[in-house]
Amino acid sequence: MSQDLLIKLVSVGDEKGVGKGHVYYTRFNNKVKKDPTKKYETKKFNPVAKKHTVYKQKK
């Protein structure tokens, strides 16, 4: 993967905090974002919590 487009997504966990800290790595072009002050956020499947949870971009 190209390292300049690689970002780290960290789970915030479910409502009980299960699965917090699980990590996904994905590619995302930060130069095309509409608001450069906001972090990328998406919902992905968390295998620890066994459900879809919110993942936020970390450095």
C-alpha atoms as a PDB file:
ATOM      1  CA  MET A   1       0.000   0.000   0.000  1.00  0.00           C
ATOM      2  CA  SER A   2       1.088   3.543  -0.619  1.00  0.00           C
ATOM      3  CA  GLN A   3       2.161   4.989   2.743  1.00  0.00           C
ATOM      4  CA  ASP A   4       1.050   8.548   2.005  1.00  0.00           C
ATOM      5  CA  LEU A   5      -2.604   7.437   1.710  1.00  0.00           C
ATOM      6  CA  LEU A   6      -2.529   4.926   4.583  1.00  0.00           C
ATOM      7  CA  ILE A   7      -4.547   5.888   7.670  1.00  0.00           C
ATOM      8  CA  LYS A   8      -5.223   4.140  10.971  1.00  0.00           C
ATOM      9  CA  LEU A   9      -8.841   3.705  12.110  1.00  0.00           C
ATOM     10  CA  VAL A  10      -9.385   2.933  15.812  1.00  0.00           C
ATOM     11  CA  SER A  11     -12.665   1.628  17.214  1.00  0.00           C
ATOM     12  CA  VAL A  12     -14.484   3.578  19.911  1.00  0.00           C
ATOM     13  CA  GLY A  13     -16.256   0.345  20.945  1.00  0.00           C
ATOM     14  CA  ASP A  14     -19.939  -0.348  21.435  1.00  0.00           C
ATOM     15  CA  GLU A  15     -22.189   1.202  24.096  1.00  0.00           C
ATOM     16  CA  LYS A  16     -20.587  -0.995  26.801  1.00  0.00           C
ATOM     17  CA  GLY A  17     -17.028  -0.278  25.624  1.00  0.00           C
ATOM     18  CA  VAL A  18     -16.467  -3.778  24.213  1.00  0.00           C
ATOM     19  CA  GLY A  19     -14.009  -3.835  21.329  1.00  0.00           C
ATOM     20  CA  LYS A  20     -12.499  -0.438  22.071  1.00  0.00           C
ATOM     21  CA  GLY A  21      -9.065  -0.039  20.535  1.00  0.00           C
ATOM     22  CA  HIS A  22      -9.448  -2.514  17.645  1.00  0.00           C
ATOM     23  CA  VAL A  23      -7.544  -1.191  14.607  1.00  0.00           C
ATOM     24  CA  TYR A  24      -8.147  -1.158  10.844  1.00  0.00           C
ATOM     25  CA  TYR A  25      -5.695   0.261   8.315  1.00  0.00           C
ATOM     26  CA  THR A  26      -7.111   1.623   5.071  1.00  0.00           C
ATOM     27  CA  ARG A  27      -6.320   4.021   2.255  1.00  0.00           C
ATOM     28  CA  PHE A  28      -7.945   7.450   2.197  1.00  0.00           C
ATOM     29  CA  ASN A  29      -7.039  10.543   0.207  1.00  0.00           C
ATOM     30  CA  ASN A  30      -6.948  13.360   2.787  1.00  0.00           C
ATOM     31  CA  LYS A  31      -6.385  15.973   0.081  1.00  0.00           C
ATOM     32  CA  VAL A  32      -9.946  15.546  -1.264  1.00  0.00           C
ATOM     33  CA  LYS A  33     -11.737  15.960   2.100  1.00  0.00           C
ATOM     34  CA  LYS A  34     -14.454  18.610   2.210  1.00  0.00           C
ATOM     35  CA  ASP A  35     -13.485  19.892   5.682  1.00  0.00           C
ATOM     36  CA  PRO A  36      -9.780  19.430   6.471  1.00  0.00           C
ATOM     37  CA  THR A  37     -10.264  20.023  10.215  1.00  0.00           C
ATOM     38  CA  LYS A  38     -12.495  16.937  10.669  1.00  0.00           C
ATOM     39  CA  LYS A  39     -11.173  13.411  11.151  1.00  0.00           C
ATOM     40  CA  TYR A  40     -12.415  10.576   8.923  1.00  0.00           C
ATOM     41  CA  GLU A  41     -15.092   8.465  10.631  1.00  0.00           C
ATOM     42  CA  THR A  42     -16.878   5.336   9.419  1.00  0.00           C
ATOM     43  CA  LYS A  43     -18.756   2.277  10.669  1.00  0.00           C
ATOM     44  CA  LYS A  44     -17.025  -1.078  10.209  1.00  0.00           C
ATOM     45  CA  PHE A  45     -17.452  -4.577  11.613  1.00  0.00           C
ATOM     46  CA  ASN A  46     -15.633  -5.085  14.914  1.00  0.00           C
ATOM     47  CA  PRO A  47     -14.767  -8.798  15.396  1.00  0.00           C
ATOM     48  CA  VAL A  48     -14.123  -8.308  19.134  1.00  0.00           C
ATOM     49  CA  ALA A  49     -17.577  -6.810  19.794  1.00  0.00           C
ATOM     50  CA  LYS A  50     -19.134  -8.942  16.988  1.00  0.00           C
ATOM     51  CA  LYS A  51     -21.110  -5.969  15.634  1.00  0.00           C
ATOM     52  CA  HIS A  52     -20.643  -2.805  13.579  1.00  0.00           C
ATOM     53  CA  THR A  53     -19.019   0.026  15.541  1.00  0.00           C
ATOM     54  CA  VAL A  54     -17.715   3.511  14.777  1.00  0.00           C
ATOM     55  CA  TYR A  55     -14.065   3.838  13.780  1.00  0.00           C
ATOM     56  CA  LYS A  56     -12.277   7.197  13.935  1.00  0.00           C
ATOM     57  CA  GLN A  57      -9.070   8.282  12.256  1.00  0.00           C
ATOM     58  CA  LYS A  58      -5.952   8.446  14.414  1.00  0.00           C
ATOM     59  CA  LYS A  59      -2.424   9.574  13.539  1.00  0.00           C
END
